[in-house]
Protein backbone atom coordinates (compact mmCIF):
# COMPACT_ATOMS: atom_id res chain seq x y z
CA MET A 1 6.91 23.63 -20.93
CA ARG A 2 7.57 19.91 -20.65
CA VAL A 3 7.20 18.13 -17.33
CA MET A 4 10.60 17.19 -15.85
CA LYS A 5 11.24 13.45 -15.56
CA PHE A 6 13.47 12.16 -12.76
CA SER A 7 15.44 8.91 -12.71
CA VAL A 8 15.22 8.96 -8.90
CA SER A 9 12.17 7.26 -7.37
CA PRO A 10 10.44 8.62 -4.26
CA VAL A 11 11.12 5.48 -2.20
CA VAL A 12 10.67 6.77 1.38
CA ARG A 13 7.21 7.78 2.61
CA VAL A 14 5.70 9.42 5.67
CA ALA A 15 2.04 9.79 6.66
CA VAL A 16 1.10 13.29 7.87
CA GLU A 17 -1.99 14.65 9.58
CA ALA A 18 -2.99 17.95 11.21
CA ARG A 19 -2.81 18.01 15.02
CA ASN A 20 -6.07 19.94 14.99
CA PRO A 21 -8.66 18.24 12.69
CA ALA A 22 -10.13 21.67 11.87
CA ASP A 23 -6.87 22.47 10.02
CA LEU A 24 -7.37 19.68 7.42
CA PRO A 25 -8.17 22.12 4.53
CA LYS A 26 -4.91 23.98 5.28
CA LEU A 27 -3.00 20.67 5.18
CA VAL A 28 -4.51 19.74 1.79
CA GLU A 29 -3.66 23.19 0.38
CA GLY A 30 -0.15 22.98 1.86
CA LEU A 31 0.44 19.56 0.23
CA LYS A 32 -0.59 21.01 -3.16
CA ARG A 33 1.90 23.86 -2.74
CA LEU A 34 4.64 21.44 -1.65
CA ALA A 35 4.06 19.26 -4.73
CA LYS A 36 4.38 22.36 -6.95
CA SER A 37 7.51 23.66 -5.21
CA ASP A 38 9.40 20.34 -5.40
CA PRO A 39 8.68 18.16 -8.48
CA MET A 40 10.50 15.22 -6.83
CA VAL A 41 7.93 14.95 -4.03
CA GLN A 42 4.80 12.83 -4.38
CA CYS A 43 1.75 13.73 -2.28
CA ILE A 44 -0.76 10.87 -2.25
CA ILE A 45 -4.11 10.35 -0.55
CA GLU A 46 -4.53 6.65 0.31
CA GLU A 47 -7.90 4.87 0.17
CA SER A 48 -7.87 4.92 3.97
CA GLY A 49 -7.78 8.75 3.87
CA GLU A 50 -4.13 9.01 4.96
CA HIS A 51 -2.06 11.82 3.42
CA ILE A 52 1.29 10.40 2.28
CA VAL A 53 4.40 12.44 1.43
CA ALA A 54 7.01 10.43 -0.54
CA GLY A 55 10.57 11.61 -1.16
CA ALA A 56 13.99 10.41 -2.32
CA GLY A 57 15.41 9.81 1.15
CA GLU A 58 15.38 10.58 4.86
CA LEU A 59 17.02 14.02 4.53
CA HIS A 60 14.88 15.04 1.54
CA LEU A 61 11.71 14.13 3.45
CA GLU A 62 12.90 15.97 6.57
CA ILE A 63 13.37 19.17 4.54
CA CYS A 64 10.01 18.76 2.77
CA LEU A 65 8.10 18.23 6.03
CA LYS A 66 9.81 21.28 7.59
CA ASP A 67 8.76 23.38 4.56
CA LEU A 68 5.23 21.97 4.74
CA GLU A 69 4.88 22.76 8.44
CA GLU A 70 6.49 26.22 8.43
CA ASP A 71 5.85 27.67 4.95
CA HIS A 72 3.13 25.88 2.97
CA ALA A 73 0.49 24.73 5.49
CA CYS A 74 1.64 26.82 8.50
CA ILE A 75 0.03 24.38 10.98
CA PRO A 76 1.46 21.88 13.53
CA LEU A 77 1.63 18.35 12.07
CA LYS A 78 1.71 14.77 13.35
CA LYS A 79 4.12 12.59 11.35
CA SER A 80 4.49 8.81 11.21
CA ASP A 81 7.86 7.02 11.15
CA PRO A 82 9.35 6.87 7.63
CA VAL A 83 8.60 3.66 5.72
CA VAL A 84 10.11 2.28 2.52
CA SER A 85 8.20 1.50 -0.69
CA TYR A 86 8.61 -2.06 -2.01
CA ARG A 87 7.83 -3.72 -5.35
CA GLU A 88 6.43 -7.17 -6.15
CA THR A 89 8.00 -9.45 -8.78
CA GLU A 90 8.43 -13.10 -9.87
CA VAL A 91 11.51 -15.33 -10.00
CA LYS A 92 10.14 -18.33 -11.91
CA ALA A 93 12.67 -19.41 -14.55
CA ARG A 94 11.99 -18.08 -18.04
CA ALA A 95 14.79 -19.71 -20.00
CA ARG A 96 14.36 -18.18 -23.46
CA TYR A 97 13.46 -14.77 -22.08
CA LEU A 98 16.51 -14.67 -19.82
CA ALA A 99 18.82 -16.16 -22.44
CA ASP A 100 17.85 -13.67 -25.14
CA ARG A 101 17.61 -10.80 -22.66
CA TYR A 102 15.02 -8.46 -24.18
CA GLN A 103 15.21 -9.58 -27.82
CA TRP A 104 11.56 -10.54 -28.23
CA GLU A 105 10.20 -12.24 -31.31
CA LEU A 106 8.77 -9.67 -33.70
CA SER A 107 5.34 -11.33 -33.74
CA GLU A 108 5.11 -11.09 -29.93
CA ALA A 109 6.34 -7.49 -29.80
CA ARG A 110 3.47 -6.49 -32.09
CA LYS A 111 0.94 -8.10 -29.75
CA ILE A 112 1.77 -6.06 -26.66
CA TRP A 113 -1.54 -4.80 -25.28
CA ALA A 114 -0.35 -2.55 -22.46
CA PHE A 115 2.36 -1.52 -20.03
CA GLY A 116 1.40 -1.03 -16.42
CA PRO A 117 0.73 0.43 -13.98
CA ASP A 118 -0.42 3.82 -15.34
CA GLY A 119 0.35 2.85 -18.94
CA THR A 120 4.12 3.35 -18.54
CA GLY A 121 5.18 0.92 -15.80
CA PRO A 122 7.75 -1.91 -16.01
CA ASN A 123 5.14 -4.69 -16.49
CA VAL A 124 3.69 -5.89 -19.78
CA LEU A 125 0.54 -7.64 -21.00
CA VAL A 126 0.92 -9.70 -24.21
CA ASP A 127 -1.77 -11.34 -26.34
CA VAL A 128 -0.54 -14.75 -27.59
CA THR A 129 -4.01 -16.16 -28.31
CA LYS A 130 -5.03 -17.84 -31.57
CA GLY A 131 -8.47 -17.13 -33.02
CA VAL A 132 -10.45 -16.20 -29.89
CA GLN A 133 -13.92 -14.82 -30.63
CA TYR A 134 -14.98 -11.39 -29.31
CA LEU A 135 -11.48 -10.78 -27.88
CA ASN A 136 -11.16 -7.20 -29.15
CA GLU A 137 -14.49 -6.34 -27.52
CA VAL A 138 -13.04 -7.04 -24.06
CA LYS A 139 -9.52 -5.68 -24.69
CA ASP A 140 -10.12 -2.36 -22.86
CA SER A 141 -11.63 -4.16 -19.85
CA VAL A 142 -8.73 -6.65 -19.68
CA VAL A 143 -6.21 -3.79 -19.86
CA ALA A 144 -8.08 -1.96 -17.06
CA GLY A 145 -7.90 -5.11 -14.90
CA PHE A 146 -4.18 -5.42 -15.72
CA GLN A 147 -3.55 -1.79 -14.65
CA TRP A 148 -5.43 -2.42 -11.39
CA ALA A 149 -3.52 -5.65 -10.61
CA THR A 150 -0.07 -4.20 -11.39
CA LYS A 151 -0.74 -1.10 -9.27
CA GLU A 152 -1.82 -3.19 -6.26
CA GLY A 153 -0.11 -6.60 -6.26
CA VAL A 154 -1.42 -9.59 -4.34
CA LEU A 155 1.31 -9.69 -1.66
CA CYS A 156 0.81 -6.29 0.00
CA GLU A 157 -0.84 -4.04 -2.61
CA GLU A 158 2.47 -2.55 -3.77
CA ASN A 159 3.28 -1.94 -7.45
CA MET A 160 4.52 -4.91 -9.46
CA ARG A 161 7.84 -4.68 -11.29
CA GLY A 162 9.36 -6.66 -14.15
CA VAL A 163 6.40 -9.03 -14.70
CA ARG A 164 5.11 -10.18 -18.09
CA PHE A 165 1.61 -11.64 -18.39
CA ASP A 166 0.68 -13.71 -21.49
CA ILE A 167 -2.96 -14.24 -22.49
CA HIS A 168 -3.11 -17.78 -23.95
CA ASP A 169 -6.84 -18.47 -24.20
CA VAL A 170 -10.12 -16.77 -23.31
CA THR A 171 -13.62 -18.28 -23.13
CA LEU A 172 -16.26 -15.57 -23.50
CA HIS A 173 -20.04 -15.64 -23.22
CA SER A 174 -21.81 -15.35 -26.58
CA ASP A 175 -24.22 -12.79 -25.12
CA ALA A 176 -22.61 -9.30 -25.10
CA VAL A 177 -24.42 -8.40 -21.84
CA HIS A 178 -22.31 -10.97 -19.97
CA ARG A 179 -18.91 -9.74 -21.18
CA GLY A 180 -19.07 -6.11 -20.04
CA GLY A 181 -16.49 -4.29 -17.91
CA GLY A 182 -18.28 -5.24 -14.68
CA GLN A 183 -17.59 -8.93 -15.37
CA ILE A 184 -14.22 -8.74 -17.15
CA ILE A 185 -12.23 -6.23 -15.02
CA PRO A 186 -12.53 -8.04 -11.62
CA THR A 187 -12.06 -11.42 -13.35
CA THR A 188 -8.86 -10.21 -15.04
CA ARG A 189 -7.50 -9.00 -11.71
CA ARG A 190 -8.26 -12.36 -10.05
CA VAL A 191 -6.58 -14.26 -12.90
CA LEU A 192 -3.45 -12.09 -12.72
CA TYR A 193 -3.28 -12.52 -8.93
CA ALA A 194 -3.48 -16.32 -9.40
CA CYS A 195 -0.66 -16.08 -11.97
CA GLN A 196 1.44 -14.07 -9.53
CA LEU A 197 0.94 -16.59 -6.71
CA THR A 198 1.87 -19.56 -8.93
CA ALA A 199 5.10 -17.95 -10.22
CA GLN A 200 7.17 -17.76 -7.01
CA PRO A 201 6.31 -14.17 -5.97
CA ARG A 202 9.05 -12.11 -4.35
CA LEU A 203 9.46 -8.63 -2.87
CA MET A 204 11.90 -6.09 -4.29
CA GLU A 205 13.49 -3.42 -2.12
CA PRO A 206 15.04 -0.10 -3.24
CA VAL A 207 18.82 0.25 -2.96
CA TYR A 208 20.98 3.36 -2.60
CA LEU A 209 24.37 3.88 -4.21
CA VAL A 210 26.43 5.35 -1.36
CA GLU A 211 29.61 7.30 -2.06
CA ILE A 212 31.73 7.96 1.04
CA GLN A 213 34.81 10.21 1.21
CA CYS A 214 37.16 9.56 4.12
CA PRO A 215 40.84 9.34 5.18
CA GLU A 216 42.52 5.91 4.99
CA GLN A 217 42.58 5.27 8.76
CA VAL A 218 38.76 5.17 9.10
CA VAL A 219 37.98 2.86 6.15
CA GLY A 220 37.67 -0.10 8.55
CA GLY A 221 34.92 1.69 10.49
CA ILE A 222 32.99 2.25 7.26
CA TYR A 223 33.12 -1.47 6.41
CA SER A 224 31.83 -2.46 9.86
CA VAL A 225 28.86 -0.04 9.64
CA LEU A 226 27.95 -1.21 6.12
CA ASN A 227 28.16 -4.89 7.13
CA ARG A 228 25.76 -4.26 10.03
CA LYS A 229 23.28 -2.62 7.66
CA ARG A 230 23.32 -5.26 4.87
CA GLY A 231 25.41 -3.00 2.64
CA HIS A 232 28.31 -4.17 0.48
CA VAL A 233 31.29 -2.28 -0.91
CA PHE A 234 32.00 -2.72 -4.63
CA ASP A 235 34.68 -0.08 -5.21
CA GLU A 236 37.41 1.62 -3.18
CA THR A 237 39.83 4.12 -4.74
CA GLN A 238 42.33 6.67 -3.47
CA VAL A 239 42.02 10.27 -4.68
CA MET A 240 45.31 10.94 -6.50
CA GLY A 241 47.75 13.10 -4.54
CA THR A 242 45.67 13.13 -1.33
CA PRO A 243 45.23 10.86 1.73
CA MET A 244 41.47 10.65 0.97
CA PHE A 245 39.69 7.48 -0.17
CA VAL A 246 36.37 7.20 -2.01
CA VAL A 247 34.35 4.11 -1.01
CA LYS A 248 31.34 3.14 -3.14
CA ALA A 249 28.74 0.72 -1.77
CA TYR A 250 25.16 -0.45 -2.19
CA LEU A 251 22.88 0.07 0.83
CA PRO A 252 19.21 -1.03 1.14
CA VAL A 253 17.03 2.06 1.70
CA ASN A 254 15.31 0.31 4.62
CA GLU A 255 18.66 0.20 6.45
CA SER A 256 19.59 3.82 5.66
CA PHE A 257 17.67 5.46 8.52
CA GLY A 258 20.26 6.80 10.97
CA PHE A 259 23.08 5.64 8.67
CA THR A 260 24.86 9.02 8.53
CA ALA A 261 24.90 9.44 12.32
CA ASP A 262 26.06 5.82 12.80
CA LEU A 263 28.82 6.26 10.22
CA ARG A 264 30.13 9.48 11.75
CA SER A 265 30.15 8.04 15.28
CA ASN A 266 32.24 5.07 14.01
CA THR A 267 34.69 7.26 12.07
CA GLY A 268 35.07 10.21 14.45
CA GLY A 269 33.12 12.45 12.05
CA GLN A 270 35.69 12.00 9.27
CA ALA A 271 33.46 10.20 6.74
CA PHE A 272 31.09 12.10 4.42
CA PRO A 273 28.40 9.94 2.77
CA GLN A 274 26.16 10.78 -0.19
CA CYS A 275 23.17 8.52 -0.98
CA VAL A 276 21.46 8.31 -4.39
CA PHE A 277 18.73 5.84 -5.41
CA ASP A 278 20.31 3.28 -7.77
CA HIS A 279 18.18 0.18 -8.38
CA TRP A 280 15.69 -2.39 -7.07
CA GLN A 281 16.87 -5.78 -5.83
CA VAL A 282 14.99 -8.95 -4.85
CA LEU A 283 14.68 -9.36 -1.08
CA GLN A 284 15.91 -12.91 -0.44
CA GLY A 285 13.32 -15.31 0.96
CA ASP A 286 9.75 -16.40 0.26
CA PRO A 287 7.18 -13.83 1.49
CA ARG A 288 4.84 -16.73 2.33
CA ASP A 289 7.39 -18.41 4.65
CA SER A 290 6.76 -17.18 8.21
CA ALA A 291 10.48 -17.52 9.09
CA SER A 292 11.68 -15.16 6.33
CA LYS A 293 12.35 -11.39 6.39
CA PRO A 294 10.02 -10.68 3.39
CA TYR A 295 7.16 -12.29 5.36
CA LEU A 296 7.66 -9.76 8.18
CA VAL A 297 7.82 -6.87 5.68
CA VAL A 298 4.62 -8.04 3.94
CA ALA A 299 2.80 -8.52 7.28
CA GLU A 300 3.86 -5.07 8.49
CA THR A 301 2.84 -3.40 5.20
CA ARG A 302 -0.53 -5.17 5.09
CA LYS A 303 -1.20 -4.20 8.71
CA ARG A 304 -0.35 -0.56 7.94
CA LYS A 305 -2.77 -0.60 4.99
CA GLY A 306 -5.58 -2.14 7.04
CA LEU A 307 -5.48 -5.52 5.24
CA LYS A 308 -5.45 -9.04 6.72
CA GLU A 309 -1.89 -9.80 7.83
CA SER A 310 -1.57 -13.07 5.89
CA VAL A 311 -1.14 -13.18 2.09
CA PRO A 312 -4.32 -14.49 0.39
CA ALA A 313 -4.14 -18.21 -0.50
CA LEU A 314 -4.05 -19.32 -4.13
CA GLU A 315 -7.44 -21.03 -3.69
CA ASN A 316 -9.03 -17.56 -3.34
CA TYR A 317 -8.21 -16.77 -6.97
CA LEU A 318 -7.69 -20.08 -8.80
CA ASP A 319 -11.10 -20.80 -10.34
CA LYS A 320 -11.10 -23.83 -12.65
CA LEU A 321 -13.67 -24.15 -15.43
């Protein structure tokens, strides 16, 4: 049987741990059962040892954690507050690329080395070099460094999204001993981090498509709730032959916690929302500017992952020959 592929990303995550440390093996076994019972759920063990459960939304996670606690692990759990996954990208102008959309030159399309992370991600590594010696010998190591860098970006070690890296020139040692994986993989990662920092890095946040059914008299309450939560309405239609309206809006996932309760309290319980993951959008502001919202998100994420709160400076990675 083929593995099912979902267009919905698990964008909301919660850290779980057993209240009694002696129950850790039961928790691990319970997470395995949960992952088998619901293909949408991702159960991840972070480098710090945290057990992460990622789902499509607040309600989905709530149901999964209830199943984990009562059916799969059968132990009391401690749960963190839900947090949202972000992505890292660039906004530096790429005139020809943007003008032609995705119509790459044939010669460049043939020189794609890899997609990342995990070989299938939305980032690409392209070889545009001319006559570099020993290049094919280090290709696997460069690709491994690319996979590492795109899985853990420089801003807050989140996945990169929509970034293309071009290899223009490589200077390699003539002695094969000095161009092994131990030298090339970390160097590639440092180079890609330097590229990311010089190309106006930005954070991307996940966005829900929200469809709300309600009577006409409470539409105003829906608009006020969405405006408070950085949402925006893009469609409003009346259901033919009924007094019901269907309002469609985009709502950042980070603002969706408590959205349903807030909406119902503002509409007297007459609005019925449905949230589905729709797309990623750039979070406005420079993550290196201490007055911006992305800076706070990056600092909070880095703190949660046990990293230094400030983004590394370009000088840490920009080595000139």
